[in-house]
Amino acid sequence: MREDALPDKEPKKKKPSRTLEQETPGKEKRRLHAYFSGTVQGVGFRYAASSVAERFAVNGWVRNCSEGRVELVAEGSADELERYLGAIGDEMSGYIRSVERTWVAATGEFSSFTIASSAG
């Protein structure tokens, strides 16, 4: 059979490749909303949280709350956010009494990490 007589074949369609985020648990983008209690204002906590964020793939903000806590909102992979929280804890361990955390889906609204204006 001649080559030009072969029936035209449609090229096989490739299945969409799975992203690393889909394949590896803990890699999906998440949003962490945390409140730090203790002696967390007036001790460089926001600066430390912002500086530590530079070492991790996280974006968001940190600010003082009127009742004396510090509020942090950050997005990244769940694993990276956990490591980031651990690093803040290591850096500021003498000042943190407790951390209240809430996890939700990321919105992708942040492109950097900033120190925000105080709440209230």
N, C-alpha and C. Protein backbone atom coordinates (compact mmCIF):
# COMPACT_ATOMS: atom_id res chain seq x y z
N MET A 1 0.85 -1.18 0.00
CA MET A 1 0.00 0.00 0.00
C MET A 1 0.88 1.23 0.00
N ARG A 2 0.55 2.15 -0.86
CA ARG A 2 1.33 3.37 -0.95
C ARG A 2 1.05 4.25 0.26
N GLU A 3 2.07 5.05 0.62
CA GLU A 3 1.95 5.93 1.79
C GLU A 3 0.85 6.95 1.62
N ASP A 4 0.69 7.47 0.39
CA ASP A 4 -0.35 8.48 0.19
C ASP A 4 -1.74 7.86 0.15
N ALA A 5 -1.82 6.54 0.13
CA ALA A 5 -3.11 5.88 0.13
C ALA A 5 -3.59 5.52 1.55
N LEU A 6 -2.74 5.76 2.55
CA LEU A 6 -3.14 5.48 3.92
C LEU A 6 -4.23 6.44 4.35
N PRO A 7 -5.21 5.94 5.09
CA PRO A 7 -6.27 6.85 5.54
C PRO A 7 -5.70 7.90 6.48
N ASP A 8 -6.24 9.10 6.36
CA ASP A 8 -5.80 10.17 7.27
C ASP A 8 -6.20 9.81 8.68
N LYS A 9 -5.26 9.93 9.59
CA LYS A 9 -5.56 9.66 10.99
C LYS A 9 -5.49 10.97 11.75
N GLU A 10 -6.45 11.14 12.59
CA GLU A 10 -6.43 12.31 13.48
C GLU A 10 -5.36 12.07 14.52
N PRO A 11 -4.54 13.07 14.82
CA PRO A 11 -3.58 12.86 15.90
C PRO A 11 -4.32 12.66 17.21
N LYS A 12 -3.76 11.79 18.05
CA LYS A 12 -4.39 11.55 19.33
C LYS A 12 -4.36 12.83 20.15
N LYS A 13 -5.48 13.10 20.80
CA LYS A 13 -5.54 14.26 21.66
C LYS A 13 -4.92 13.90 22.99
N LYS A 14 -4.03 14.78 23.45
CA LYS A 14 -3.41 14.56 24.74
C LYS A 14 -4.37 14.94 25.84
N LYS A 15 -4.34 14.17 26.89
CA LYS A 15 -5.12 14.54 28.06
C LYS A 15 -4.44 15.74 28.68
N PRO A 16 -5.23 16.65 29.24
CA PRO A 16 -4.60 17.79 29.90
C PRO A 16 -3.69 17.28 31.00
N SER A 17 -2.49 17.86 31.07
CA SER A 17 -1.57 17.41 32.10
C SER A 17 -2.02 17.93 33.45
N ARG A 18 -1.79 17.15 34.46
CA ARG A 18 -2.14 17.56 35.81
C ARG A 18 -1.05 18.47 36.32
N THR A 19 -1.46 19.48 37.04
CA THR A 19 -0.47 20.39 37.60
C THR A 19 0.07 19.79 38.89
N LEU A 20 1.20 20.28 39.32
CA LEU A 20 1.79 19.84 40.57
C LEU A 20 0.82 20.08 41.72
N GLU A 21 0.07 21.18 41.64
CA GLU A 21 -0.89 21.49 42.69
C GLU A 21 -1.96 20.42 42.79
N GLN A 22 -2.36 19.83 41.66
CA GLN A 22 -3.39 18.80 41.67
C GLN A 22 -2.84 17.48 42.17
N GLU A 23 -1.58 17.21 41.89
CA GLU A 23 -1.00 15.91 42.18
C GLU A 23 -0.49 15.77 43.61
N THR A 24 -0.06 16.83 44.19
CA THR A 24 0.60 16.76 45.48
C THR A 24 -0.23 17.41 46.56
N PRO A 25 -0.69 16.64 47.54
CA PRO A 25 -1.45 17.24 48.63
C PRO A 25 -0.61 18.31 49.32
N GLY A 26 -1.27 19.38 49.77
CA GLY A 26 -0.56 20.44 50.46
C GLY A 26 -0.01 21.50 49.52
N LYS A 27 -0.11 21.29 48.22
CA LYS A 27 0.42 22.26 47.26
C LYS A 27 -0.66 23.18 46.71
N GLU A 28 -1.93 22.88 46.96
CA GLU A 28 -2.99 23.76 46.47
C GLU A 28 -2.93 25.08 47.22
N LYS A 29 -3.30 26.13 46.55
CA LYS A 29 -3.25 27.47 47.15
C LYS A 29 -4.33 27.61 48.21
N ARG A 30 -3.94 28.13 49.35
CA ARG A 30 -4.83 28.31 50.48
C ARG A 30 -4.67 29.72 51.03
N ARG A 31 -5.65 30.13 51.82
CA ARG A 31 -5.57 31.42 52.53
C ARG A 31 -5.58 31.12 54.02
N LEU A 32 -4.62 31.68 54.71
CA LEU A 32 -4.53 31.58 56.15
C LEU A 32 -4.92 32.92 56.75
N HIS A 33 -5.85 32.90 57.70
CA HIS A 33 -6.24 34.10 58.44
C HIS A 33 -5.90 33.78 59.89
N ALA A 34 -4.93 34.51 60.45
CA ALA A 34 -4.45 34.20 61.79
C ALA A 34 -4.47 35.43 62.68
N TYR A 35 -4.75 35.20 63.96
CA TYR A 35 -4.66 36.23 64.98
C TYR A 35 -3.65 35.76 66.03
N PHE A 36 -2.65 36.58 66.28
CA PHE A 36 -1.63 36.29 67.27
C PHE A 36 -1.92 37.08 68.53
N SER A 37 -1.91 36.38 69.68
CA SER A 37 -2.12 37.03 70.97
C SER A 37 -0.85 36.90 71.80
N GLY A 38 -0.72 37.78 72.76
CA GLY A 38 0.44 37.80 73.64
C GLY A 38 0.98 39.22 73.67
N THR A 39 2.28 39.34 73.82
CA THR A 39 2.92 40.65 73.74
C THR A 39 3.39 40.80 72.30
N VAL A 40 2.46 41.10 71.41
CA VAL A 40 2.76 41.09 69.98
C VAL A 40 2.74 42.47 69.33
N GLN A 41 2.44 43.48 70.10
CA GLN A 41 2.50 44.85 69.57
C GLN A 41 3.62 45.61 70.27
N GLY A 42 4.30 46.45 69.51
CA GLY A 42 5.39 47.24 70.06
C GLY A 42 6.70 46.46 70.21
N VAL A 43 6.77 45.27 69.58
CA VAL A 43 7.98 44.44 69.70
C VAL A 43 8.56 44.09 68.32
N GLY A 44 8.09 44.75 67.26
CA GLY A 44 8.58 44.47 65.91
C GLY A 44 7.95 43.26 65.26
N PHE A 45 6.79 42.85 65.75
CA PHE A 45 6.14 41.65 65.23
C PHE A 45 5.77 41.79 63.76
N ARG A 46 5.15 42.91 63.39
CA ARG A 46 4.73 43.08 61.99
C ARG A 46 5.94 43.12 61.06
N TYR A 47 6.99 43.81 61.48
CA TYR A 47 8.21 43.86 60.68
C TYR A 47 8.80 42.45 60.53
N ALA A 48 8.84 41.71 61.62
CA ALA A 48 9.37 40.34 61.57
C ALA A 48 8.54 39.47 60.64
N ALA A 49 7.20 39.55 60.75
CA ALA A 49 6.32 38.75 59.89
C ALA A 49 6.54 39.09 58.42
N SER A 50 6.73 40.37 58.13
CA SER A 50 6.96 40.81 56.75
C SER A 50 8.34 40.35 56.26
N SER A 51 9.35 40.48 57.10
CA SER A 51 10.70 40.05 56.72
C SER A 51 10.77 38.54 56.51
N VAL A 52 10.15 37.79 57.40
CA VAL A 52 10.13 36.33 57.27
C VAL A 52 9.40 35.93 55.99
N ALA A 53 8.36 36.65 55.62
CA ALA A 53 7.59 36.34 54.40
C ALA A 53 8.47 36.36 53.15
N GLU A 54 9.53 37.16 53.17
CA GLU A 54 10.42 37.24 52.01
C GLU A 54 11.12 35.92 51.73
N ARG A 55 11.22 35.06 52.71
CA ARG A 55 11.90 33.76 52.55
C ARG A 55 10.95 32.66 52.09
N PHE A 56 9.67 32.99 51.93
CA PHE A 56 8.67 31.99 51.58
C PHE A 56 7.83 32.47 50.40
N ALA A 57 7.20 31.53 49.72
CA ALA A 57 6.32 31.86 48.59
C ALA A 57 4.92 32.16 49.14
N VAL A 58 4.81 33.28 49.83
CA VAL A 58 3.53 33.71 50.40
C VAL A 58 3.31 35.19 50.09
N ASN A 59 2.06 35.56 49.98
CA ASN A 59 1.65 36.95 49.77
C ASN A 59 0.53 37.27 50.73
N GLY A 60 0.40 38.53 51.12
CA GLY A 60 -0.69 38.92 52.00
C GLY A 60 -0.34 40.17 52.78
N TRP A 61 -0.80 40.24 54.03
CA TRP A 61 -0.53 41.41 54.86
C TRP A 61 -0.60 41.06 56.34
N VAL A 62 -0.05 41.96 57.15
CA VAL A 62 -0.09 41.83 58.60
C VAL A 62 -0.40 43.20 59.17
N ARG A 63 -1.18 43.26 60.27
CA ARG A 63 -1.51 44.54 60.88
C ARG A 63 -1.84 44.38 62.36
N ASN A 64 -1.71 45.48 63.10
CA ASN A 64 -2.11 45.51 64.50
C ASN A 64 -3.63 45.64 64.59
N CYS A 65 -4.21 45.02 65.59
CA CYS A 65 -5.64 45.17 65.89
C CYS A 65 -5.78 46.07 67.11
N SER A 66 -6.92 46.74 67.21
CA SER A 66 -7.13 47.69 68.30
C SER A 66 -7.16 47.02 69.68
N GLU A 67 -7.49 45.73 69.74
CA GLU A 67 -7.58 45.05 71.05
C GLU A 67 -6.25 44.45 71.50
N GLY A 68 -5.17 44.68 70.73
CA GLY A 68 -3.85 44.22 71.15
C GLY A 68 -3.30 43.01 70.43
N ARG A 69 -4.11 42.37 69.59
CA ARG A 69 -3.62 41.24 68.82
C ARG A 69 -3.00 41.72 67.52
N VAL A 70 -2.38 40.81 66.79
CA VAL A 70 -1.89 41.07 65.44
C VAL A 70 -2.63 40.14 64.51
N GLU A 71 -3.14 40.69 63.41
CA GLU A 71 -3.88 39.93 62.41
C GLU A 71 -3.00 39.73 61.19
N LEU A 72 -3.03 38.51 60.65
CA LEU A 72 -2.23 38.18 59.47
C LEU A 72 -3.12 37.44 58.48
N VAL A 73 -3.06 37.85 57.23
CA VAL A 73 -3.74 37.13 56.14
C VAL A 73 -2.66 36.83 55.11
N ALA A 74 -2.52 35.56 54.76
CA ALA A 74 -1.48 35.17 53.80
C ALA A 74 -2.00 34.06 52.91
N GLU A 75 -1.51 34.06 51.67
CA GLU A 75 -1.87 33.02 50.71
C GLU A 75 -0.62 32.37 50.16
N GLY A 76 -0.74 31.09 49.89
CA GLY A 76 0.35 30.28 49.33
C GLY A 76 -0.07 28.83 49.43
N SER A 77 0.84 27.92 49.20
CA SER A 77 0.49 26.51 49.39
C SER A 77 0.36 26.26 50.88
N ALA A 78 -0.44 25.27 51.24
CA ALA A 78 -0.64 24.95 52.65
C ALA A 78 0.69 24.61 53.32
N ASP A 79 1.54 23.86 52.62
CA ASP A 79 2.85 23.50 53.17
C ASP A 79 3.70 24.74 53.42
N GLU A 80 3.71 25.63 52.45
CA GLU A 80 4.53 26.84 52.58
C GLU A 80 4.00 27.73 53.71
N LEU A 81 2.69 27.84 53.82
CA LEU A 81 2.11 28.65 54.89
C LEU A 81 2.43 28.05 56.26
N GLU A 82 2.41 26.74 56.38
CA GLU A 82 2.77 26.10 57.65
C GLU A 82 4.23 26.39 58.00
N ARG A 83 5.11 26.30 57.01
CA ARG A 83 6.53 26.60 57.26
C ARG A 83 6.70 28.07 57.63
N TYR A 84 5.97 28.94 56.96
CA TYR A 84 6.01 30.37 57.26
C TYR A 84 5.57 30.63 58.70
N LEU A 85 4.45 30.03 59.11
CA LEU A 85 3.98 30.19 60.50
C LEU A 85 5.02 29.69 61.49
N GLY A 86 5.64 28.57 61.18
CA GLY A 86 6.69 28.03 62.05
C GLY A 86 7.86 28.98 62.19
N ALA A 87 8.23 29.61 61.08
CA ALA A 87 9.35 30.56 61.11
C ALA A 87 9.00 31.80 61.93
N ILE A 88 7.75 32.28 61.82
CA ILE A 88 7.32 33.41 62.66
C ILE A 88 7.38 32.99 64.12
N GLY A 89 6.89 31.79 64.41
CA GLY A 89 6.93 31.27 65.77
C GLY A 89 8.34 31.18 66.32
N ASP A 90 9.28 30.73 65.48
CA ASP A 90 10.67 30.65 65.91
C ASP A 90 11.23 32.04 66.21
N GLU A 91 10.95 32.98 65.33
CA GLU A 91 11.48 34.34 65.46
C GLU A 91 10.87 35.10 66.64
N MET A 92 9.58 34.88 66.88
CA MET A 92 8.86 35.69 67.88
C MET A 92 8.34 34.84 69.05
N SER A 93 8.96 33.71 69.30
CA SER A 93 8.45 32.75 70.29
C SER A 93 8.24 33.33 71.69
N GLY A 94 9.08 34.25 72.12
CA GLY A 94 8.94 34.82 73.45
C GLY A 94 7.76 35.77 73.59
N TYR A 95 7.12 36.11 72.48
CA TYR A 95 6.05 37.10 72.49
C TYR A 95 4.67 36.53 72.22
N ILE A 96 4.61 35.36 71.58
CA ILE A 96 3.33 34.77 71.18
C ILE A 96 2.78 33.88 72.29
N ARG A 97 1.55 34.15 72.72
CA ARG A 97 0.88 33.31 73.69
C ARG A 97 -0.01 32.29 72.97
N SER A 98 -0.70 32.73 71.92
CA SER A 98 -1.58 31.82 71.17
C SER A 98 -1.77 32.32 69.76
N VAL A 99 -2.16 31.39 68.89
CA VAL A 99 -2.45 31.71 67.49
C VAL A 99 -3.79 31.08 67.15
N GLU A 100 -4.70 31.91 66.68
CA GLU A 100 -6.02 31.48 66.22
C GLU A 100 -5.96 31.43 64.70
N ARG A 101 -6.22 30.26 64.10
CA ARG A 101 -6.06 30.12 62.65
C ARG A 101 -7.36 29.69 61.99
N THR A 102 -7.59 30.24 60.79
CA THR A 102 -8.68 29.83 59.93
C THR A 102 -8.12 29.62 58.54
N TRP A 103 -8.49 28.51 57.89
CA TRP A 103 -8.03 28.19 56.54
C TRP A 103 -9.22 28.23 55.58
N VAL A 104 -9.05 28.91 54.46
CA VAL A 104 -10.05 28.93 53.40
C VAL A 104 -9.33 28.87 52.05
N ALA A 105 -10.09 28.81 50.98
CA ALA A 105 -9.50 28.81 49.63
C ALA A 105 -8.87 30.17 49.34
N ALA A 106 -7.78 30.16 48.63
CA ALA A 106 -7.11 31.40 48.24
C ALA A 106 -7.94 32.15 47.21
N THR A 107 -7.81 33.46 47.20
CA THR A 107 -8.49 34.29 46.21
C THR A 107 -7.52 34.80 45.14
N GLY A 108 -6.23 34.77 45.44
CA GLY A 108 -5.24 35.26 44.49
C GLY A 108 -5.16 36.77 44.40
N GLU A 109 -5.72 37.47 45.38
CA GLU A 109 -5.77 38.93 45.30
C GLU A 109 -4.45 39.62 45.66
N PHE A 110 -3.51 38.91 46.26
CA PHE A 110 -2.27 39.55 46.70
C PHE A 110 -1.12 39.28 45.74
N SER A 111 -0.28 40.28 45.55
CA SER A 111 0.90 40.08 44.70
C SER A 111 2.19 40.26 45.47
N SER A 112 2.08 40.61 46.76
CA SER A 112 3.25 40.78 47.62
C SER A 112 2.80 40.64 49.06
N PHE A 113 3.75 40.83 49.97
CA PHE A 113 3.41 40.80 51.40
C PHE A 113 3.70 42.19 51.95
N THR A 114 2.71 42.76 52.67
CA THR A 114 2.85 44.14 53.16
C THR A 114 2.47 44.24 54.63
N ILE A 115 2.90 45.34 55.21
CA ILE A 115 2.42 45.73 56.54
C ILE A 115 1.28 46.69 56.29
N ALA A 116 0.08 46.31 56.72
CA ALA A 116 -1.12 47.12 56.47
C ALA A 116 -1.34 48.09 57.62
N SER A 117 -2.18 49.07 57.37
CA SER A 117 -2.57 50.02 58.42
C SER A 117 -3.29 49.29 59.52
N SER A 118 -3.12 49.78 60.73
CA SER A 118 -3.76 49.15 61.89
C SER A 118 -5.27 49.18 61.76
N ALA A 119 -5.91 48.13 62.29
CA ALA A 119 -7.37 48.05 62.26
C ALA A 119 -7.95 48.85 63.42
N GLY A 120 -9.10 49.44 63.18
CA GLY A 120 -9.82 50.13 64.25
C GLY A 120 -9.30 51.45 64.44
